[in-house]
Structure formats: structure tokens, C-alpha cells
Amino acid sequence: MKKMRKNGIFKKWFQIILLLLLTFPKGHVFASEADQPVFSGWAELKSRYAADESTDRLILVKYLGGSRVKVIMYEKAAGEGTLKWRKLLSCRGFCGKNGLNKEQEGDVKTPTGVFYITEGFGIRENPGLKDLRYTVIDESCYWSGEYDTYNTLVRSDHPIAGEHLIECSPQYNYALNIGYNPQNIYKKGSGIFLHCTGPRSYTMGCIAVSEENMIRIMQNTTDKTLVCIYPK
């Protein structure tokens, strides 16, 4: 009887701890859409994160209409007793064919909100990404569309659902994963990257810039880099 009671207490505490782990903020990840900050303009956004120690870089993706965006990268710099943002680059790029406000897989839209870069990968060698994992992709690398491994980079000896990354050149010569759908909810959308431009003037939901600018972005990206995607 005592053993059963102990097992019951242990199970109850285990459930409580598991619930806390699922609901507690996950570091550099906005765990759900409800956690996303309210967008009140670009100036307010830069001011909000100026004194926030959880980020030291901002990549602002300003939607211009259609599939066109403007990408501006800043680094945090101290000056005259206050924190300021120093511009590292500014360039034009492309987003999803159907614009912003992604809701589900296949809608060909780019998500709106604030996201942390989680990792990098590429067909070519690491161009200078330092704080995050960089995977040189080969024939075995897929961005999974399978239920159990949805929205993650996996290796497989046989074809699986998802993107066979090595087939996407020059787009995936260099790429950074934008932390969309961190809970890996099946069919909510996967494989939202910042990557090199390809032959089309739009993407399937990612953000694309020239390879030259992609290299510069990767060389300046840290594990505290935020990507902010909103209408202009």
C-alpha cells in the first residue's frame, strides 16, 4: 500500500515538473504565438531590445509588398553611456510568394514575428558562423517533414518526407534556421530559413538574400541574434 502511495506521489510530482518544463520560457525561443511581443513599430522594437541582454543582434525584415522585403542587420554597441544599434548591412531580399502571416504548411507564406536563429548549415563550408552549430550538408541530410522528426535536420540513408537539402543549390549554399514552430507542431510549417537567393523572385516561405549578403550575415550572427519580420 505504501509503495502504491509513493508511486502515486512520484507520478503526481513528475506530471507537475513536466508541465512546468513545457510552460516555462525556453531561453532563446518564443514557445508559442501567445509569447510573441506586440509590434508597435520598428523604432519601438529597436528601443525595446536595446537594453535586453538576451539579444545582441537584430535582423529586421521589413515587408515591402508582394514577395519583396528589405533586410537590415544591426549589432548592439555601447556609446555615451547608453546602448545603441550599429548598422552592419542593408539589402533587398525576397519572402514567401504569398507574402506574410504564415499559418500552416503549404500556404507559401513567411511567418510574422520575432524569432531566434537556432543553427546554420550549407552545401559549402562554414563561412564564419561561430556561436551556433553549422552542418555541412551531404546526400544524407533532410529537413524533415516526418511526424516524429518534424521541422528538424536529420540524416537518413533513404529518402524521407521533407526537403533533401543538397538538391537546393544555390539557395542552401548557406542558410540559417529561423526558429519558427519551435514546438515542432506537425503541419504547422517547417524549414523557415534565411538563405541565398535562387532563380525565382520569391521563396516558399523563407527569407532570401544574395549569397554575398548571406555570408556577411552568417559571419555576424551569434546565438543571441533575433530575426524580426513585420510589414513596413
Protein backbone atom coordinates (compact mmCIF):
# COMPACT_ATOMS: atom_id res chain seq x y z
CA MET A 1 0.00 0.00 0.00
CA LYS A 2 2.83 2.39 0.93
CA LYS A 3 4.59 1.51 -2.31
CA MET A 4 1.47 2.32 -4.32
CA ARG A 5 1.08 5.61 -2.43
CA LYS A 6 4.72 6.52 -3.11
CA ASN A 7 4.33 5.67 -6.77
CA GLY A 8 1.22 7.85 -6.91
CA ILE A 9 3.03 10.79 -5.29
CA PHE A 10 6.01 10.33 -7.60
CA LYS A 11 3.74 10.26 -10.64
CA LYS A 12 1.96 13.41 -9.49
CA TRP A 13 5.24 15.31 -8.97
CA PHE A 14 6.54 14.06 -12.32
CA GLN A 15 3.44 15.46 -14.04
CA ILE A 16 3.86 18.81 -12.27
CA ILE A 17 7.54 19.06 -13.25
CA LEU A 18 6.76 18.09 -16.84
CA LEU A 19 4.04 20.76 -17.00
CA LEU A 20 6.46 23.38 -15.70
CA LEU A 21 9.08 22.40 -18.27
CA LEU A 22 6.54 22.70 -21.06
CA THR A 23 5.24 26.09 -19.94
CA PHE A 24 8.45 27.72 -18.69
CA PRO A 25 10.11 30.11 -21.16
CA LYS A 26 12.60 28.14 -23.31
CA GLY A 27 15.54 30.55 -23.39
CA HIS A 28 16.08 31.87 -26.90
CA VAL A 29 12.74 30.60 -28.18
CA PHE A 30 9.24 32.04 -28.17
CA ALA A 31 7.41 28.87 -27.26
CA SER A 32 4.07 29.84 -28.78
CA GLU A 33 2.34 32.57 -30.75
CA ALA A 34 0.94 33.91 -27.46
CA ASP A 35 4.51 34.67 -26.33
CA GLN A 36 5.18 36.85 -29.36
CA PRO A 37 5.66 40.53 -28.45
CA VAL A 38 3.22 43.11 -29.77
CA PHE A 39 4.66 45.01 -32.74
CA SER A 40 4.36 48.77 -32.25
CA GLY A 41 6.75 49.95 -34.95
CA TRP A 42 10.40 49.49 -35.83
CA ALA A 43 11.67 52.32 -33.62
CA GLU A 44 9.88 50.92 -30.59
CA LEU A 45 11.17 47.42 -31.36
CA LYS A 46 14.80 48.61 -31.51
CA SER A 47 14.32 50.55 -28.29
CA ARG A 48 12.74 47.53 -26.57
CA TYR A 49 15.71 45.27 -27.26
CA ALA A 50 18.45 47.86 -26.74
CA ALA A 51 18.77 47.05 -23.03
CA ASP A 52 17.70 43.41 -23.33
CA GLU A 53 20.68 41.17 -22.56
CA SER A 54 19.08 38.19 -24.29
CA THR A 55 19.96 39.64 -27.70
CA ASP A 56 22.96 41.40 -29.23
CA ARG A 57 22.00 41.40 -32.92
CA LEU A 58 18.81 42.32 -34.77
CA ILE A 59 17.92 41.27 -38.30
CA LEU A 60 14.95 43.40 -39.33
CA VAL A 61 12.92 42.03 -42.24
CA LYS A 62 10.61 44.76 -43.49
CA TYR A 63 7.85 43.60 -45.84
CA LEU A 64 7.51 45.82 -48.92
CA GLY A 65 4.61 44.03 -50.62
CA GLY A 66 4.35 41.09 -52.98
CA SER A 67 7.37 38.93 -52.19
CA ARG A 68 9.76 41.82 -51.63
CA VAL A 69 11.46 42.62 -48.32
CA LYS A 70 14.22 44.86 -47.02
CA VAL A 71 16.72 43.20 -44.67
CA ILE A 72 18.72 45.30 -42.20
CA MET A 73 21.16 43.83 -39.68
CA TYR A 74 22.29 45.67 -36.54
CA GLU A 75 24.73 44.89 -33.76
CA LYS A 76 24.48 46.27 -30.27
CA ALA A 77 27.16 48.81 -29.40
CA ALA A 78 27.76 50.94 -26.31
CA GLY A 79 28.10 54.67 -26.76
CA GLU A 80 27.94 57.69 -24.47
CA GLY A 81 26.57 55.74 -21.54
CA THR A 82 23.71 54.19 -23.48
CA LEU A 83 23.22 51.24 -25.78
CA LYS A 84 22.79 51.91 -29.45
CA TRP A 85 22.37 49.84 -32.60
CA ARG A 86 25.08 49.98 -35.27
CA LYS A 87 24.03 49.02 -38.79
CA LEU A 88 26.04 46.16 -40.30
CA LEU A 89 24.25 45.82 -43.64
CA SER A 90 21.11 46.71 -45.54
CA CYS A 91 19.87 44.89 -48.62
CA ARG A 92 16.82 43.82 -50.58
CA GLY A 93 15.53 40.28 -50.45
CA PHE A 94 12.55 38.02 -51.02
CA CYS A 95 9.95 36.33 -48.84
CA GLY A 96 7.16 33.82 -49.47
CA LYS A 97 5.29 34.01 -52.76
CA ASN A 98 2.06 34.81 -50.89
CA GLY A 99 3.57 37.36 -48.52
CA LEU A 100 3.47 37.23 -44.71
CA ASN A 101 1.36 35.71 -41.91
CA LYS A 102 2.13 32.02 -42.26
CA GLU A 103 -0.48 29.73 -40.71
CA GLN A 104 0.23 26.22 -41.99
CA GLU A 105 2.44 24.11 -44.18
CA GLY A 106 2.00 24.76 -47.88
CA ASP A 107 0.49 28.26 -47.70
CA VAL A 108 3.69 29.68 -49.28
CA LYS A 109 3.78 32.47 -46.69
CA THR A 110 6.51 33.76 -44.39
CA PRO A 111 5.78 33.88 -40.65
CA THR A 112 5.38 37.21 -38.91
CA GLY A 113 7.00 37.85 -35.53
CA VAL A 114 10.28 37.66 -33.63
CA PHE A 115 12.44 34.55 -33.86
CA TYR A 116 15.88 33.39 -32.72
CA ILE A 117 18.38 31.85 -35.11
CA THR A 118 18.89 28.27 -33.92
CA GLU A 119 21.56 26.80 -36.24
CA GLY A 120 23.28 27.11 -39.58
CA PHE A 121 24.00 24.75 -42.44
CA GLY A 122 25.17 24.80 -46.01
CA ILE A 123 26.39 22.91 -49.03
CA ARG A 124 29.60 24.89 -48.68
CA GLU A 125 31.96 25.11 -45.72
CA ASN A 126 31.19 27.33 -42.74
CA PRO A 127 31.85 30.94 -43.84
CA GLY A 128 32.39 32.15 -40.26
CA LEU A 129 29.37 31.27 -38.11
CA LYS A 130 30.83 30.95 -34.59
CA ASP A 131 28.37 30.55 -31.72
CA LEU A 132 25.89 28.17 -33.34
CA ARG A 133 26.13 24.70 -34.82
CA TYR A 134 26.97 24.62 -38.52
CA THR A 135 26.34 21.47 -40.54
CA VAL A 136 27.99 20.90 -43.90
CA ILE A 137 25.19 19.05 -45.65
CA ASP A 138 25.61 15.98 -47.84
CA GLU A 139 23.38 13.42 -49.57
CA SER A 140 22.07 12.13 -46.23
CA CYS A 141 20.73 15.47 -44.96
CA TYR A 142 17.00 16.26 -44.92
CA TRP A 143 14.89 18.92 -43.26
CA SER A 144 12.28 16.53 -42.02
CA GLY A 145 8.60 16.55 -42.84
CA GLU A 146 8.07 13.27 -40.99
CA TYR A 147 5.76 13.28 -37.97
CA ASP A 148 8.33 12.13 -35.38
CA THR A 149 11.15 14.44 -36.52
CA TYR A 150 9.11 17.27 -38.00
CA ASN A 151 10.95 20.57 -38.57
CA THR A 152 14.44 19.27 -37.69
CA LEU A 153 17.61 18.50 -39.61
CA VAL A 154 18.09 14.73 -39.82
CA ARG A 155 20.32 12.27 -41.63
CA SER A 156 18.82 9.33 -43.45
CA ASP A 157 20.21 6.61 -45.71
CA HIS A 158 16.91 6.51 -47.61
CA PRO A 159 14.53 9.22 -48.89
CA ILE A 160 12.12 10.70 -46.33
CA ALA A 161 9.37 13.34 -46.40
CA GLY A 162 10.75 16.86 -46.32
CA GLU A 163 13.47 18.76 -48.16
CA HIS A 164 16.54 16.97 -49.50
CA LEU A 165 18.78 19.90 -48.69
CA ILE A 166 21.66 19.18 -51.05
CA GLU A 167 19.34 19.45 -54.05
CA CYS A 168 18.65 23.13 -53.29
CA SER A 169 21.67 24.96 -54.68
CA PRO A 170 22.43 27.84 -54.69
CA GLN A 171 19.70 28.55 -52.12
CA TYR A 172 21.25 26.34 -49.45
CA ASN A 173 24.87 27.11 -50.19
CA TYR A 174 24.49 28.97 -46.87
CA ALA A 175 21.43 29.01 -44.63
CA LEU A 176 20.32 29.88 -41.10
CA ASN A 177 17.29 28.32 -39.43
CA ILE A 178 14.75 30.88 -38.25
CA GLY A 179 13.21 29.40 -35.10
CA TYR A 180 9.64 29.18 -36.40
CA ASN A 181 7.42 26.48 -34.88
CA PRO A 182 9.86 25.56 -32.06
CA GLN A 183 7.35 23.07 -30.68
CA ASN A 184 7.57 21.17 -33.99
CA ILE A 185 3.79 21.01 -34.36
CA TYR A 186 3.08 18.74 -37.32
CA LYS A 187 1.89 20.56 -40.45
CA LYS A 188 2.14 24.00 -38.81
CA GLY A 189 5.09 24.70 -41.10
CA SER A 190 8.74 23.73 -41.20
CA GLY A 191 12.02 24.72 -42.76
CA ILE A 192 11.75 28.50 -42.47
CA PHE A 193 15.27 29.68 -43.28
CA LEU A 194 17.28 32.77 -44.09
CA HIS A 195 19.20 31.62 -47.18
CA CYS A 196 20.73 32.61 -50.51
CA THR A 197 18.58 33.74 -53.41
CA GLY A 198 17.75 31.28 -56.19
CA PRO A 199 16.33 31.62 -59.70
CA ARG A 200 12.95 32.99 -58.56
CA SER A 201 11.96 36.38 -57.11
CA TYR A 202 10.15 34.68 -54.21
CA THR A 203 10.52 31.78 -51.78
CA MET A 204 8.28 29.04 -50.42
CA GLY A 205 8.15 30.86 -47.06
CA CYS A 206 11.79 31.63 -46.27
CA ILE A 207 13.74 34.89 -46.47
CA ALA A 208 16.35 35.03 -49.26
CA VAL A 209 19.20 37.48 -49.83
CA SER A 210 22.21 37.46 -52.15
CA GLU A 211 24.97 34.97 -51.35
CA GLU A 212 27.37 37.85 -50.65
CA ASN A 213 25.00 39.30 -48.04
CA MET A 214 24.21 35.85 -46.66
CA ILE A 215 27.90 35.32 -45.92
CA ARG A 216 28.10 38.70 -44.17
CA ILE A 217 25.02 37.88 -42.10
CA MET A 218 26.42 34.49 -41.05
CA GLN A 219 29.76 36.00 -40.09
CA ASN A 220 27.97 38.44 -37.77
CA THR A 221 25.32 36.09 -36.35
CA THR A 222 25.53 34.97 -32.71
CA ASP A 223 23.41 32.71 -30.53
CA LYS A 224 21.61 35.89 -29.42
CA THR A 225 20.54 37.07 -32.86
CA LEU A 226 16.87 37.98 -33.30
CA VAL A 227 15.04 37.97 -36.64
CA CYS A 228 12.08 40.37 -36.65
CA ILE A 229 9.64 40.01 -39.56
CA TYR A 230 6.84 42.57 -39.92
CA PRO A 231 5.18 44.81 -42.52
CA LYS A 232 6.98 48.05 -43.24
